Amino acid sequence: MLPLALITVLLASDAWVYADAQRHTDSGRPVEMSIGSVRIDTPVLWTLGCLLLWIVFLPLYITQRTHASPTRWLRATKDLPSDSFSREPSDKCGDRPPAPRFTAI
């Protein structure tokens, strides 16, 4: 029973890798990775890698897909006014303290 559950988890995660990589490719931001002359940049190659060496390729895919996507921070701040990131002191938040200065001992 345990081997069947493990195989189900592996195949489900491989199907997710393919679908997610395809979605990234269709949106113009493919998930890519290069190791020397080996380049992994298609959903099929990511899925084959996960099928053959799941313990290596699934973490690599998850790491590389974050580089292909806009960060959540950027998505969360897209509705803020453009002057929200001004470095000038504002009456709303007061003056910023000076940056710490470090000296060599």
C-alpha atoms as a PDB file:
ATOM      1  CA  MET A   1       0.000   0.000   0.000  1.00  0.00           C
ATOM      2  CA  LEU A   2       2.828   2.413   0.830  1.00  0.00           C
ATOM      3  CA  PRO A   3       4.591   1.941  -2.540  1.00  0.00           C
ATOM      4  CA  LEU A   4       1.315   2.703  -4.330  1.00  0.00           C
ATOM      5  CA  ALA A   5       0.842   5.887  -2.314  1.00  0.00           C
ATOM      6  CA  LEU A   6       4.440   6.933  -3.002  1.00  0.00           C
ATOM      7  CA  ILE A   7       4.067   6.319  -6.735  1.00  0.00           C
ATOM      8  CA  THR A   8       0.815   8.314  -6.722  1.00  0.00           C
ATOM      9  CA  VAL A   9       2.544  11.274  -5.035  1.00  0.00           C
ATOM     10  CA  LEU A  10       5.457  11.100  -7.488  1.00  0.00           C
ATOM     11  CA  LEU A  11       3.211  10.967 -10.544  1.00  0.00           C
ATOM     12  CA  ALA A  12       0.944  13.727  -9.238  1.00  0.00           C
ATOM     13  CA  SER A  13       3.921  16.009  -8.621  1.00  0.00           C
ATOM     14  CA  ASP A  14       5.299  15.204 -12.081  1.00  0.00           C
ATOM     15  CA  ALA A  15       1.942  16.112 -13.635  1.00  0.00           C
ATOM     16  CA  TRP A  16       1.973  19.392 -11.691  1.00  0.00           C
ATOM     17  CA  VAL A  17       5.525  20.156 -12.897  1.00  0.00           C
ATOM     18  CA  TYR A  18       4.459  19.623 -16.515  1.00  0.00           C
ATOM     19  CA  ALA A  19       1.291  21.731 -16.198  1.00  0.00           C
ATOM     20  CA  ASP A  20       3.063  24.524 -14.331  1.00  0.00           C
ATOM     21  CA  ALA A  21       6.039  24.586 -16.712  1.00  0.00           C
ATOM     22  CA  GLN A  22       3.644  24.663 -19.668  1.00  0.00           C
ATOM     23  CA  ARG A  23       1.757  27.574 -18.117  1.00  0.00           C
ATOM     24  CA  HIS A  24       5.030  29.477 -17.632  1.00  0.00           C
ATOM     25  CA  THR A  25       6.090  28.737 -21.220  1.00  0.00           C
ATOM     26  CA  ASP A  26       2.724  29.848 -22.618  1.00  0.00           C
ATOM     27  CA  SER A  27       2.974  33.124 -20.694  1.00  0.00           C
ATOM     28  CA  GLY A  28       6.408  33.845 -22.172  1.00  0.00           C
ATOM     29  CA  ARG A  29       8.378  33.196 -18.978  1.00  0.00           C
ATOM     30  CA  PRO A  30       9.693  29.632 -19.310  1.00  0.00           C
ATOM     31  CA  VAL A  31      11.351  27.952 -16.357  1.00  0.00           C
ATOM     32  CA  GLU A  32      14.973  27.512 -17.405  1.00  0.00           C
ATOM     33  CA  MET A  33      18.136  26.061 -15.930  1.00  0.00           C
ATOM     34  CA  SER A  34      21.608  25.457 -17.331  1.00  0.00           C
ATOM     35  CA  ILE A  35      24.334  23.232 -15.940  1.00  0.00           C
ATOM     36  CA  GLY A  36      27.355  23.504 -18.186  1.00  0.00           C
ATOM     37  CA  SER A  37      26.206  22.691 -21.692  1.00  0.00           C
ATOM     38  CA  VAL A  38      22.989  21.010 -20.488  1.00  0.00           C
ATOM     39  CA  ARG A  39      19.953  23.276 -20.725  1.00  0.00           C
ATOM     40  CA  ILE A  40      16.549  22.405 -19.293  1.00  0.00           C
ATOM     41  CA  ASP A  41      13.960  24.793 -20.642  1.00  0.00           C
ATOM     42  CA  THR A  42      10.883  22.885 -21.790  1.00  0.00           C
ATOM     43  CA  PRO A  43       8.041  21.298 -19.811  1.00  0.00           C
ATOM     44  CA  VAL A  44       8.906  17.881 -21.291  1.00  0.00           C
ATOM     45  CA  LEU A  45      12.521  18.059 -20.096  1.00  0.00           C
ATOM     46  CA  TRP A  46      11.473  19.163 -16.604  1.00  0.00           C
ATOM     47  CA  THR A  47       8.965  16.312 -16.419  1.00  0.00           C
ATOM     48  CA  LEU A  48      11.482  13.725 -17.642  1.00  0.00           C
ATOM     49  CA  GLY A  49      13.985  14.963 -15.089  1.00  0.00           C
ATOM     50  CA  CYS A  50      11.395  14.638 -12.341  1.00  0.00           C
ATOM     51  CA  LEU A  51      10.450  11.140 -13.495  1.00  0.00           C
ATOM     52  CA  LEU A  52      14.076   9.981 -13.506  1.00  0.00           C
ATOM     53  CA  LEU A  53      15.508  11.849 -10.501  1.00  0.00           C
ATOM     54  CA  TRP A  54      12.541  13.234  -8.575  1.00  0.00           C
ATOM     55  CA  ILE A  55      14.499  14.005  -5.405  1.00  0.00           C
ATOM     56  CA  VAL A  56      16.872  16.246  -7.396  1.00  0.00           C
ATOM     57  CA  PHE A  57      14.692  17.812 -10.094  1.00  0.00           C
ATOM     58  CA  LEU A  58      11.582  18.711  -8.105  1.00  0.00           C
ATOM     59  CA  PRO A  59      13.491  21.030  -5.710  1.00  0.00           C
ATOM     60  CA  LEU A  60      15.429  22.442  -8.686  1.00  0.00           C
ATOM     61  CA  TYR A  61      12.191  23.126 -10.527  1.00  0.00           C
ATOM     62  CA  ILE A  62      10.608  24.825  -7.522  1.00  0.00           C
ATOM     63  CA  THR A  63      13.704  26.994  -7.082  1.00  0.00           C
ATOM     64  CA  GLN A  64      13.931  27.914 -10.762  1.00  0.00           C
ATOM     65  CA  ARG A  65      10.241  28.672 -11.159  1.00  0.00           C
ATOM     66  CA  THR A  66      10.512  31.466  -8.604  1.00  0.00           C
ATOM     67  CA  HIS A  67      13.033  33.142 -10.910  1.00  0.00           C
ATOM     68  CA  ALA A  68      10.627  32.867 -13.841  1.00  0.00           C
ATOM     69  CA  SER A  69       7.662  34.406 -11.998  1.00  0.00           C
ATOM     70  CA  PRO A  70       7.127  37.955 -10.867  1.00  0.00           C
ATOM     71  CA  THR A  71       7.608  38.061  -7.134  1.00  0.00           C
ATOM     72  CA  ARG A  72       4.609  38.177  -4.860  1.00  0.00           C
ATOM     73  CA  TRP A  73       5.891  41.465  -3.492  1.00  0.00           C
ATOM     74  CA  LEU A  74       5.661  43.092  -6.907  1.00  0.00           C
ATOM     75  CA  ARG A  75       2.174  41.722  -7.453  1.00  0.00           C
ATOM     76  CA  ALA A  76       1.095  42.960  -4.019  1.00  0.00           C
ATOM     77  CA  THR A  77       2.404  46.488  -4.616  1.00  0.00           C
ATOM     78  CA  LYS A  78       1.153  47.045  -8.158  1.00  0.00           C
ATOM     79  CA  ASP A  79      -1.952  48.892  -6.903  1.00  0.00           C
ATOM     80  CA  LEU A  80      -0.040  51.328  -4.706  1.00  0.00           C
ATOM     81  CA  PRO A  81       0.400  54.910  -5.882  1.00  0.00           C
ATOM     82  CA  SER A  82       3.702  55.627  -7.599  1.00  0.00           C
ATOM     83  CA  ASP A  83       4.882  57.945  -4.805  1.00  0.00           C
ATOM     84  CA  SER A  84       4.547  55.170  -2.199  1.00  0.00           C
ATOM     85  CA  PHE A  85       8.206  54.266  -2.604  1.00  0.00           C
ATOM     86  CA  SER A  86       9.608  57.767  -2.258  1.00  0.00           C
ATOM     87  CA  ARG A  87      12.689  58.002  -0.068  1.00  0.00           C
ATOM     88  CA  GLU A  88      11.778  61.496   1.028  1.00  0.00           C
ATOM     89  CA  PRO A  89      10.566  61.854   4.640  1.00  0.00           C
ATOM     90  CA  SER A  90       6.834  62.101   4.914  1.00  0.00           C
ATOM     91  CA  ASP A  91       4.540  63.612   7.525  1.00  0.00           C
ATOM     92  CA  LYS A  92       2.756  60.269   7.760  1.00  0.00           C
ATOM     93  CA  CYS A  93       5.702  58.268   9.002  1.00  0.00           C
ATOM     94  CA  GLY A  94       8.041  60.955  10.367  1.00  0.00           C
ATOM     95  CA  ASP A  95      11.732  61.324   9.666  1.00  0.00           C
ATOM     96  CA  ARG A  96      13.756  58.236   9.140  1.00  0.00           C
ATOM     97  CA  PRO A  97      16.623  57.666  11.551  1.00  0.00           C
ATOM     98  CA  PRO A  98      20.083  58.025  10.057  1.00  0.00           C
ATOM     99  CA  ALA A  99      21.721  54.896   8.719  1.00  0.00           C
ATOM    100  CA  PRO A 100      24.135  53.272  11.180  1.00  0.00           C
ATOM    101  CA  ARG A 101      27.815  53.909  10.552  1.00  0.00           C
ATOM    102  CA  PHE A 102      30.293  51.137  11.097  1.00  0.00           C
ATOM    103  CA  THR A 103      33.943  51.744  11.749  1.00  0.00           C
ATOM    104  CA  ALA A 104      36.817  49.291  11.769  1.00  0.00           C
ATOM    105  CA  ILE A 105      38.184  48.400  15.170  1.00  0.00           C
END
